[in-house]
Amino acid sequence: MTMTSLRLPDELRERVDALAKATGRNKSYLLTEAISRYVDEEAWQIAMVEEGIHSAETEPLTAQDDLVDDLLRCGLVTEASLIEARRRLAES
């Protein structure tokens, strides 16, 4: 394992100290966990964007009307919310 140092704002350092005390973990463990989770999340987001770009380049896109129909069918939007969104778009 490699040692790395970093500068933390005082407020963040105090929060890490408090968390270490509350959990019985050392600061190194907590910071390693936090960085690992952050890196995993960022890598996942990049992979999803790349997958979306690849998909957009290689597969036909869904028509807007088909997408709206799917959202309505799944209950993710309501007809009333669509009417309101269209009204706001028309005003802008």
PDB file of N, CA and C in Angstrom:
ATOM      1  N   MET A   1       0.850  -1.171   0.000  1.00  0.00           N
ATOM      2  CA  MET A   1       0.000   0.000   0.000  1.00  0.00           C
ATOM      3  C   MET A   1       0.897   1.236   0.000  1.00  0.00           C
ATOM      4  N   THR A   2       0.491   2.263  -0.731  1.00  0.00           N
ATOM      5  CA  THR A   2       1.259   3.498  -0.849  1.00  0.00           C
ATOM      6  C   THR A   2       0.703   4.565   0.079  1.00  0.00           C
ATOM      7  N   MET A   3       1.591   5.356   0.658  1.00  0.00           N
ATOM      8  CA  MET A   3       1.139   6.453   1.505  1.00  0.00           C
ATOM      9  C   MET A   3       0.958   7.692   0.647  1.00  0.00           C
ATOM     10  N   THR A   4      -0.152   8.378   0.863  1.00  0.00           N
ATOM     11  CA  THR A   4      -0.464   9.624   0.172  1.00  0.00           C
ATOM     12  C   THR A   4      -0.934  10.622   1.210  1.00  0.00           C
ATOM     13  N   SER A   5      -0.550  11.861   1.040  1.00  0.00           N
ATOM     14  CA  SER A   5      -1.034  12.880   1.971  1.00  0.00           C
ATOM     15  C   SER A   5      -1.937  13.846   1.222  1.00  0.00           C
ATOM     16  N   LEU A   6      -2.841  14.461   1.958  1.00  0.00           N
ATOM     17  CA  LEU A   6      -3.707  15.455   1.356  1.00  0.00           C
ATOM     18  C   LEU A   6      -4.073  16.492   2.400  1.00  0.00           C
ATOM     19  N   ARG A   7      -4.402  17.661   1.915  1.00  0.00           N
ATOM     20  CA  ARG A   7      -4.806  18.743   2.811  1.00  0.00           C
ATOM     21  C   ARG A   7      -6.332  18.781   2.852  1.00  0.00           C
ATOM     22  N   LEU A   8      -6.864  18.839   4.058  1.00  0.00           N
ATOM     23  CA  LEU A   8      -8.309  18.912   4.253  1.00  0.00           C
ATOM     24  C   LEU A   8      -8.662  20.244   4.901  1.00  0.00           C
ATOM     25  N   PRO A   9      -9.766  20.832   4.496  1.00  0.00           N
ATOM     26  CA  PRO A   9     -10.243  21.999   5.231  1.00  0.00           C
ATOM     27  C   PRO A   9     -10.482  21.594   6.697  1.00  0.00           C
ATOM     28  N   ASP A  10     -10.264  22.521   7.602  1.00  0.00           N
ATOM     29  CA  ASP A  10     -10.395  22.217   9.036  1.00  0.00           C
ATOM     30  C   ASP A  10     -11.748  21.606   9.369  1.00  0.00           C
ATOM     31  N   GLU A  11     -12.806  22.151   8.787  1.00  0.00           N
ATOM     32  CA  GLU A  11     -14.156  21.660   9.095  1.00  0.00           C
ATOM     33  C   GLU A  11     -14.315  20.200   8.660  1.00  0.00           C
ATOM     34  N   LEU A  12     -13.777  19.849   7.502  1.00  0.00           N
ATOM     35  CA  LEU A  12     -13.870  18.466   7.028  1.00  0.00           C
ATOM     36  C   LEU A  12     -13.017  17.548   7.905  1.00  0.00           C
ATOM     37  N   ARG A  13     -11.835  18.001   8.275  1.00  0.00           N
ATOM     38  CA  ARG A  13     -10.979  17.198   9.154  1.00  0.00           C
ATOM     39  C   ARG A  13     -11.679  16.920  10.473  1.00  0.00           C
ATOM     40  N   GLU A  14     -12.350  17.922  11.012  1.00  0.00           N
ATOM     41  CA  GLU A  14     -13.083  17.744  12.273  1.00  0.00           C
ATOM     42  C   GLU A  14     -14.222  16.735  12.100  1.00  0.00           C
ATOM     43  N   ARG A  15     -14.885  16.779  10.962  1.00  0.00           N
ATOM     44  CA  ARG A  15     -15.965  15.814  10.710  1.00  0.00           C
ATOM     45  C   ARG A  15     -15.419  14.398  10.592  1.00  0.00           C
ATOM     46  N   VAL A  16     -14.273  14.257   9.926  1.00  0.00           N
ATOM     47  CA  VAL A  16     -13.638  12.937   9.812  1.00  0.00           C
ATOM     48  C   VAL A  16     -13.216  12.447  11.196  1.00  0.00           C
ATOM     49  N   ASP A  17     -12.639  13.332  11.986  1.00  0.00           N
ATOM     50  CA  ASP A  17     -12.245  12.956  13.349  1.00  0.00           C
ATOM     51  C   ASP A  17     -13.445  12.475  14.161  1.00  0.00           C
ATOM     52  N   ALA A  18     -14.551  13.213  14.068  1.00  0.00           N
ATOM     53  CA  ALA A  18     -15.757  12.841  14.816  1.00  0.00           C
ATOM     54  C   ALA A  18     -16.315  11.508  14.335  1.00  0.00           C
ATOM     55  N   LEU A  19     -16.291  11.295  13.034  1.00  0.00           N
ATOM     56  CA  LEU A  19     -16.792  10.032  12.493  1.00  0.00           C
ATOM     57  C   LEU A  19     -15.901   8.866  12.927  1.00  0.00           C
ATOM     58  N   ALA A  20     -14.618   9.083  12.905  1.00  0.00           N
ATOM     59  CA  ALA A  20     -13.683   8.034  13.347  1.00  0.00           C
ATOM     60  C   ALA A  20     -13.956   7.661  14.797  1.00  0.00           C
ATOM     61  N   LYS A  21     -14.152   8.660  15.617  1.00  0.00           N
ATOM     62  CA  LYS A  21     -14.426   8.402  17.029  1.00  0.00           C
ATOM     63  C   LYS A  21     -15.750   7.666  17.206  1.00  0.00           C
ATOM     64  N   ALA A  22     -16.781   8.107  16.473  1.00  0.00           N
ATOM     65  CA  ALA A  22     -18.110   7.509  16.615  1.00  0.00           C
ATOM     66  C   ALA A  22     -18.163   6.072  16.110  1.00  0.00           C
ATOM     67  N   THR A  23     -17.375   5.767  15.096  1.00  0.00           N
ATOM     68  CA  THR A  23     -17.433   4.429  14.488  1.00  0.00           C
ATOM     69  C   THR A  23     -16.350   3.485  14.998  1.00  0.00           C
ATOM     70  N   GLY A  24     -15.364   4.043  15.696  1.00  0.00           N
ATOM     71  CA  GLY A  24     -14.255   3.207  16.153  1.00  0.00           C
ATOM     72  C   GLY A  24     -13.305   2.839  15.035  1.00  0.00           C
ATOM     73  N   ARG A  25     -13.405   3.524  13.908  1.00  0.00           N
ATOM     74  CA  ARG A  25     -12.505   3.298  12.768  1.00  0.00           C
ATOM     75  C   ARG A  25     -11.416   4.354  12.794  1.00  0.00           C
ATOM     76  N   ASN A  26     -10.285   4.052  12.167  1.00  0.00           N
ATOM     77  CA  ASN A  26      -9.261   5.092  12.090  1.00  0.00           C
ATOM     78  C   ASN A  26      -9.510   5.978  10.870  1.00  0.00           C
ATOM     79  N   LYS A  27      -8.913   7.157  10.892  1.00  0.00           N
ATOM     80  CA  LYS A  27      -9.138   8.130   9.818  1.00  0.00           C
ATOM     81  C   LYS A  27      -8.681   7.593   8.468  1.00  0.00           C
ATOM     82  N   SER A  28      -7.595   6.857   8.464  1.00  0.00           N
ATOM     83  CA  SER A  28      -7.089   6.300   7.210  1.00  0.00           C
ATOM     84  C   SER A  28      -8.135   5.389   6.557  1.00  0.00           C
ATOM     85  N   TYR A  29      -8.750   4.536   7.363  1.00  0.00           N
ATOM     86  CA  TYR A  29      -9.785   3.644   6.847  1.00  0.00           C
ATOM     87  C   TYR A  29     -10.943   4.449   6.248  1.00  0.00           C
ATOM     88  N   LEU A  30     -11.414   5.454   6.992  1.00  0.00           N
ATOM     89  CA  LEU A  30     -12.552   6.249   6.529  1.00  0.00           C
ATOM     90  C   LEU A  30     -12.236   6.990   5.232  1.00  0.00           C
ATOM     91  N   LEU A  31     -11.069   7.584   5.163  1.00  0.00           N
ATOM     92  CA  LEU A  31     -10.705   8.322   3.958  1.00  0.00           C
ATOM     93  C   LEU A  31     -10.509   7.390   2.767  1.00  0.00           C
ATOM     94  N   THR A  32      -9.920   6.222   3.017  1.00  0.00           N
ATOM     95  CA  THR A  32      -9.752   5.241   1.943  1.00  0.00           C
ATOM     96  C   THR A  32     -11.113   4.785   1.420  1.00  0.00           C
ATOM     97  N   GLU A  33     -12.044   4.512   2.336  1.00  0.00           N
ATOM     98  CA  GLU A  33     -13.409   4.125   1.938  1.00  0.00           C
ATOM     99  C   GLU A  33     -14.083   5.224   1.125  1.00  0.00           C
ATOM    100  N   ALA A  34     -13.974   6.459   1.590  1.00  0.00           N
ATOM    101  CA  ALA A  34     -14.616   7.583   0.914  1.00  0.00           C
ATOM    102  C   ALA A  34     -14.054   7.767  -0.495  1.00  0.00           C
ATOM    103  N   ILE A  35     -12.738   7.713  -0.619  1.00  0.00           N
ATOM    104  CA  ILE A  35     -12.110   7.881  -1.928  1.00  0.00           C
ATOM    105  C   ILE A  35     -12.469   6.722  -2.843  1.00  0.00           C
ATOM    106  N   SER A  36     -12.481   5.512  -2.310  1.00  0.00           N
ATOM    107  CA  SER A  36     -12.837   4.336  -3.105  1.00  0.00           C
ATOM    108  C   SER A  36     -14.262   4.440  -3.637  1.00  0.00           C
ATOM    109  N   ARG A  37     -15.190   4.844  -2.780  1.00  0.00           N
ATOM    110  CA  ARG A  37     -16.578   4.996  -3.217  1.00  0.00           C
ATOM    111  C   ARG A  37     -16.705   6.084  -4.274  1.00  0.00           C
ATOM    112  N   TYR A  38     -15.996   7.196  -4.078  1.00  0.00           N
ATOM    113  CA  TYR A  38     -16.033   8.280  -5.044  1.00  0.00           C
ATOM    114  C   TYR A  38     -15.504   7.815  -6.402  1.00  0.00           C
ATOM    115  N   VAL A  39     -14.363   7.144  -6.396  1.00  0.00           N
ATOM    116  CA  VAL A  39     -13.764   6.670  -7.645  1.00  0.00           C
ATOM    117  C   VAL A  39     -14.690   5.667  -8.331  1.00  0.00           C
ATOM    118  N   ASP A  40     -15.283   4.755  -7.568  1.00  0.00           N
ATOM    119  CA  ASP A  40     -16.222   3.793  -8.145  1.00  0.00           C
ATOM    120  C   ASP A  40     -17.411   4.503  -8.795  1.00  0.00           C
ATOM    121  N   GLU A  41     -17.969   5.486  -8.100  1.00  0.00           N
ATOM    122  CA  GLU A  41     -19.127   6.221  -8.612  1.00  0.00           C
ATOM    123  C   GLU A  41     -18.765   6.990  -9.881  1.00  0.00           C
ATOM    124  N   GLU A  42     -17.640   7.663  -9.884  1.00  0.00           N
ATOM    125  CA  GLU A  42     -17.218   8.415 -11.064  1.00  0.00           C
ATOM    126  C   GLU A  42     -16.961   7.476 -12.241  1.00  0.00           C
ATOM    127  N   ALA A  43     -16.318   6.346 -11.985  1.00  0.00           N
ATOM    128  CA  ALA A  43     -16.057   5.374 -13.053  1.00  0.00           C
ATOM    129  C   ALA A  43     -17.367   4.840 -13.619  1.00  0.00           C
ATOM    130  N   TRP A  44     -18.344   4.571 -12.753  1.00  0.00           N
ATOM    131  CA  TRP A  44     -19.651   4.100 -13.204  1.00  0.00           C
ATOM    132  C   TRP A  44     -20.320   5.161 -14.079  1.00  0.00           C
ATOM    133  N   GLN A  45     -20.276   6.417 -13.647  1.00  0.00           N
ATOM    134  CA  GLN A  45     -20.902   7.483 -14.430  1.00  0.00           C
ATOM    135  C   GLN A  45     -20.239   7.621 -15.797  1.00  0.00           C
ATOM    136  N   ILE A  46     -18.933   7.567 -15.835  1.00  0.00           N
ATOM    137  CA  ILE A  46     -18.224   7.652 -17.112  1.00  0.00           C
ATOM    138  C   ILE A  46     -18.613   6.486 -18.012  1.00  0.00           C
ATOM    139  N   ALA A  47     -18.677   5.289 -17.454  1.00  0.00           N
ATOM    140  CA  ALA A  47     -19.064   4.112 -18.241  1.00  0.00           C
ATOM    141  C   ALA A  47     -20.483   4.268 -18.794  1.00  0.00           C
ATOM    142  N   MET A  48     -21.403   4.811 -17.986  1.00  0.00           N
ATOM    143  CA  MET A  48     -22.777   5.000 -18.440  1.00  0.00           C
ATOM    144  C   MET A  48     -22.856   6.047 -19.554  1.00  0.00           C
ATOM    145  N   VAL A  49     -22.087   7.117 -19.440  1.00  0.00           N
ATOM    146  CA  VAL A  49     -22.060   8.139 -20.495  1.00  0.00           C
ATOM    147  C   VAL A  49     -21.498   7.541 -21.771  1.00  0.00           C
ATOM    148  N   GLU A  50     -20.399   6.805 -21.654  1.00  0.00           N
ATOM    149  CA  GLU A  50     -19.800   6.180 -22.837  1.00  0.00           C
ATOM    150  C   GLU A  50     -20.756   5.186 -23.473  1.00  0.00           C
ATOM    151  N   GLU A  51     -21.466   4.425 -22.639  1.00  0.00           N
ATOM    152  CA  GLU A  51     -22.455   3.473 -23.159  1.00  0.00           C
ATOM    153  C   GLU A  51     -23.578   4.213 -23.884  1.00  0.00           C
ATOM    154  N   GLY A  52     -24.021   5.324 -23.310  1.00  0.00           N
ATOM    155  CA  GLY A  52     -25.068   6.121 -23.938  1.00  0.00           C
ATOM    156  C   GLY A  52     -24.628   6.708 -25.261  1.00  0.00           C
ATOM    157  N   ILE A  53     -23.395   7.199 -25.305  1.00  0.00           N
ATOM    158  CA  ILE A  53     -22.869   7.739 -26.563  1.00  0.00           C
ATOM    159  C   ILE A  53     -22.791   6.648 -27.616  1.00  0.00           C
ATOM    160  N   HIS A  54     -22.257   5.493 -27.221  1.00  0.00           N
ATOM    161  CA  HIS A  54     -22.164   4.364 -28.161  1.00  0.00           C
ATOM    162  C   HIS A  54     -23.548   3.958 -28.652  1.00  0.00           C
ATOM    163  N   SER A  55     -24.487   3.884 -27.731  1.00  0.00           N
ATOM    164  CA  SER A  55     -25.851   3.494 -28.086  1.00  0.00           C
ATOM    165  C   SER A  55     -26.469   4.505 -29.054  1.00  0.00           C
ATOM    166  N   ALA A  56     -26.251   5.794 -28.789  1.00  0.00           N
ATOM    167  CA  ALA A  56     -26.805   6.839 -29.661  1.00  0.00           C
ATOM    168  C   ALA A  56     -26.192   6.790 -31.049  1.00  0.00           C
ATOM    169  N   GLU A  57     -24.936   6.369 -31.128  1.00  0.00           N
ATOM    170  CA  GLU A  57     -24.255   6.300 -32.417  1.00  0.00           C
ATOM    171  C   GLU A  57     -24.612   5.051 -33.215  1.00  0.00           C
ATOM    172  N   THR A  58     -25.045   3.991 -32.532  1.00  0.00           N
ATOM    173  CA  THR A  58     -25.240   2.712 -33.215  1.00  0.00           C
ATOM    174  C   THR A  58     -26.687   2.231 -33.278  1.00  0.00           C
ATOM    175  N   GLU A  59     -27.557   2.808 -32.452  1.00  0.00           N
ATOM    176  CA  GLU A  59     -28.943   2.346 -32.406  1.00  0.00           C
ATOM    177  C   GLU A  59     -29.889   3.491 -32.750  1.00  0.00           C
ATOM    178  N   PRO A  60     -31.043   3.158 -33.318  1.00  0.00           N
ATOM    179  CA  PRO A  60     -31.997   4.232 -33.608  1.00  0.00           C
ATOM    180  C   PRO A  60     -32.495   4.866 -32.310  1.00  0.00           C
ATOM    181  N   LEU A  61     -32.685   6.166 -32.353  1.00  0.00           N
ATOM    182  CA  LEU A  61     -33.181   6.875 -31.181  1.00  0.00           C
ATOM    183  C   LEU A  61     -34.687   6.690 -31.053  1.00  0.00           C
ATOM    184  N   THR A  62     -35.184   6.808 -29.844  1.00  0.00           N
ATOM    185  CA  THR A  62     -36.610   6.708 -29.586  1.00  0.00           C
ATOM    186  C   THR A  62     -37.273   8.036 -29.926  1.00  0.00           C
ATOM    187  N   ALA A  63     -38.359   7.970 -30.656  1.00  0.00           N
ATOM    188  CA  ALA A  63     -39.096   9.180 -30.987  1.00  0.00           C
ATOM    189  C   ALA A  63     -39.676   9.784 -29.714  1.00  0.00           C
ATOM    190  N   GLN A  64     -39.772  11.118 -29.681  1.00  0.00           N
ATOM    191  CA  GLN A  64     -40.264  11.808 -28.494  1.00  0.00           C
ATOM    192  C   GLN A  64     -41.656  11.321 -28.114  1.00  0.00           C
ATOM    193  N   ASP A  65     -42.538  11.161 -29.080  1.00  0.00           N
ATOM    194  CA  ASP A  65     -43.895  10.711 -28.766  1.00  0.00           C
ATOM    195  C   ASP A  65     -43.903   9.321 -28.142  1.00  0.00           C
ATOM    196  N   ASP A  66     -43.026   8.439 -28.633  1.00  0.00           N
ATOM    197  CA  ASP A  66     -42.933   7.088 -28.047  1.00  0.00           C
ATOM    198  C   ASP A  66     -42.417   7.150 -26.616  1.00  0.00           C
ATOM    199  N   LEU A  67     -41.447   8.027 -26.382  1.00  0.00           N
ATOM    200  CA  LEU A  67     -40.894   8.185 -25.042  1.00  0.00           C
ATOM    201  C   LEU A  67     -41.964   8.713 -24.084  1.00  0.00           C
ATOM    202  N   VAL A  68     -42.707   9.710 -24.511  1.00  0.00           N
ATOM    203  CA  VAL A  68     -43.776  10.273 -23.670  1.00  0.00           C
ATOM    204  C   VAL A  68     -44.821   9.205 -23.379  1.00  0.00           C
ATOM    205  N   ASP A  69     -45.199   8.432 -24.382  1.00  0.00           N
ATOM    206  CA  ASP A  69     -46.167   7.351 -24.174  1.00  0.00           C
ATOM    207  C   ASP A  69     -45.656   6.347 -23.133  1.00  0.00           C
ATOM    208  N   ASP A  70     -44.370   5.995 -23.223  1.00  0.00           N
ATOM    209  CA  ASP A  70     -43.785   5.058 -22.254  1.00  0.00           C
ATOM    210  C   ASP A  70     -43.791   5.636 -20.844  1.00  0.00           C
ATOM    211  N   LEU A  71     -43.462   6.924 -20.717  1.00  0.00           N
ATOM    212  CA  LEU A  71     -43.462   7.565 -19.407  1.00  0.00           C
ATOM    213  C   LEU A  71     -44.863   7.613 -18.809  1.00  0.00           C
ATOM    214  N   LEU A  72     -45.839   7.905 -19.633  1.00  0.00           N
ATOM    215  CA  LEU A  72     -47.229   7.914 -19.168  1.00  0.00           C
ATOM    216  C   LEU A  72     -47.667   6.518 -18.747  1.00  0.00           C
ATOM    217  N   ARG A  73     -47.359   5.528 -19.553  1.00  0.00           N
ATOM    218  CA  ARG A  73     -47.759   4.147 -19.281  1.00  0.00           C
ATOM    219  C   ARG A  73     -47.138   3.643 -17.966  1.00  0.00           C
ATOM    220  N   CYS A  74     -45.904   4.039 -17.693  1.00  0.00           N
ATOM    221  CA  CYS A  74     -45.219   3.608 -16.470  1.00  0.00           C
ATOM    222  C   CYS A  74     -45.619   4.443 -15.261  1.00  0.00           C
ATOM    223  N   GLY A  75     -46.362   5.508 -15.487  1.00  0.00           N
ATOM    224  CA  GLY A  75     -46.785   6.364 -14.391  1.00  0.00           C
ATOM    225  C   GLY A  75     -45.698   7.307 -13.895  1.00  0.00           C
ATOM    226  N   LEU A  76     -44.663   7.508 -14.700  1.00  0.00           N
ATOM    227  CA  LEU A  76     -43.577   8.393 -14.294  1.00  0.00           C
ATOM    228  C   LEU A  76     -43.915   9.863 -14.514  1.00  0.00           C
ATOM    229  N   VAL A  77     -44.868  10.125 -15.399  1.00  0.00           N
ATOM    230  CA  VAL A  77     -45.399  11.471 -15.595  1.00  0.00           C
ATOM    231  C   VAL A  77     -46.911  11.356 -15.731  1.00  0.00           C
ATOM    232  N   THR A  78     -47.583  12.482 -15.536  1.00  0.00           N
ATOM    233  CA  THR A  78     -49.034  12.518 -15.713  1.00  0.00           C
ATOM    234  C   THR A  78     -49.360  13.413 -16.897  1.00  0.00           C
ATOM    235  N   GLU A  79     -50.536  13.256 -17.404  1.00  0.00           N
ATOM    236  CA  GLU A  79     -50.986  14.111 -18.519  1.00  0.00           C
ATOM    237  C   GLU A  79     -50.957  15.577 -18.082  1.00  0.00           C
ATOM    238  N   ALA A  80     -51.374  15.829 -16.857  1.00  0.00           N
ATOM    239  CA  ALA A  80     -51.388  17.204 -16.349  1.00  0.00           C
ATOM    240  C   ALA A  80     -49.976  17.798 -16.309  1.00  0.00           C
ATOM    241  N   SER A  81     -48.993  16.999 -15.892  1.00  0.00           N
ATOM    242  CA  SER A  81     -47.624  17.514 -15.836  1.00  0.00           C
ATOM    243  C   SER A  81     -47.084  17.791 -17.237  1.00  0.00           C
ATOM    244  N   LEU A  82     -47.492  16.992 -18.217  1.00  0.00           N
ATOM    245  CA  LEU A  82     -47.082  17.234 -19.600  1.00  0.00           C
ATOM    246  C   LEU A  82     -47.691  18.531 -20.130  1.00  0.00           C
ATOM    247  N   ILE A  83     -48.952  18.737 -19.835  1.00  0.00           N
ATOM    248  CA  ILE A  83     -49.615  19.971 -20.273  1.00  0.00           C
ATOM    249  C   ILE A  83     -48.917  21.181 -19.668  1.00  0.00           C
ATOM    250  N   GLU A  84     -48.593  21.109 -18.378  1.00  0.00           N
ATOM    251  CA  GLU A  84     -47.904  22.207 -17.697  1.00  0.00           C
ATOM    252  C   GLU A  84     -46.519  22.431 -18.299  1.00  0.00           C
ATOM    253  N   ALA A  85     -45.790  21.379 -18.576  1.00  0.00           N
ATOM    254  CA  ALA A  85     -44.446  21.496 -19.160  1.00  0.00           C
ATOM    255  C   ALA A  85     -44.528  22.134 -20.546  1.00  0.00           C
ATOM    256  N   ARG A  86     -45.497  21.722 -21.339  1.00  0.00           N
ATOM    257  CA  ARG A  86     -45.661  22.316 -22.677  1.00  0.00           C
ATOM    258  C   ARG A  86     -46.035  23.794 -22.584  1.00  0.00           C
ATOM    259  N   ARG A  87     -46.856  24.146 -21.590  1.00  0.00           N
ATOM    260  CA  ARG A  87     -47.249  25.546 -21.415  1.00  0.00           C
ATOM    261  C   ARG A  87     -46.035  26.385 -21.054  1.00  0.00           C
ATOM    262  N   ARG A  88     -45.188  25.865 -20.160  1.00  0.00           N
ATOM    263  CA  ARG A  88     -43.981  26.605 -19.759  1.00  0.00           C
ATOM    264  C   ARG A  88     -43.011  26.767 -20.912  1.00  0.00           C
ATOM    265  N   LEU A  89     -42.886  25.723 -21.710  1.00  0.00           N
ATOM    266  CA  LEU A  89     -42.006  25.818 -22.881  1.00  0.00           C
ATOM    267  C   LEU A  89     -42.504  26.877 -23.857  1.00  0.00           C
ATOM    268  N   ALA A  90     -43.811  26.921 -24.049  1.00  0.00           N
ATOM    269  CA  ALA A  90     -44.381  27.887 -24.982  1.00  0.00           C
ATOM    270  C   ALA A  90     -44.165  29.326 -24.495  1.00  0.00           C
ATOM    271  N   GLU A  91     -44.140  29.512 -23.178  1.00  0.00           N
ATOM    272  CA  GLU A  91     -43.953  30.846 -22.600  1.00  0.00           C
ATOM    273  C   GLU A  91     -42.504  31.310 -22.672  1.00  0.00           C
ATOM    274  N   SER A  92     -41.586  30.385 -22.752  1.00  0.00           N
ATOM    275  CA  SER A  92     -40.165  30.779 -22.719  1.00  0.00           C
ATOM    276  C   SER A  92     -39.615  31.146 -24.077  1.00  0.00           C
TER     277      SER A  92
END
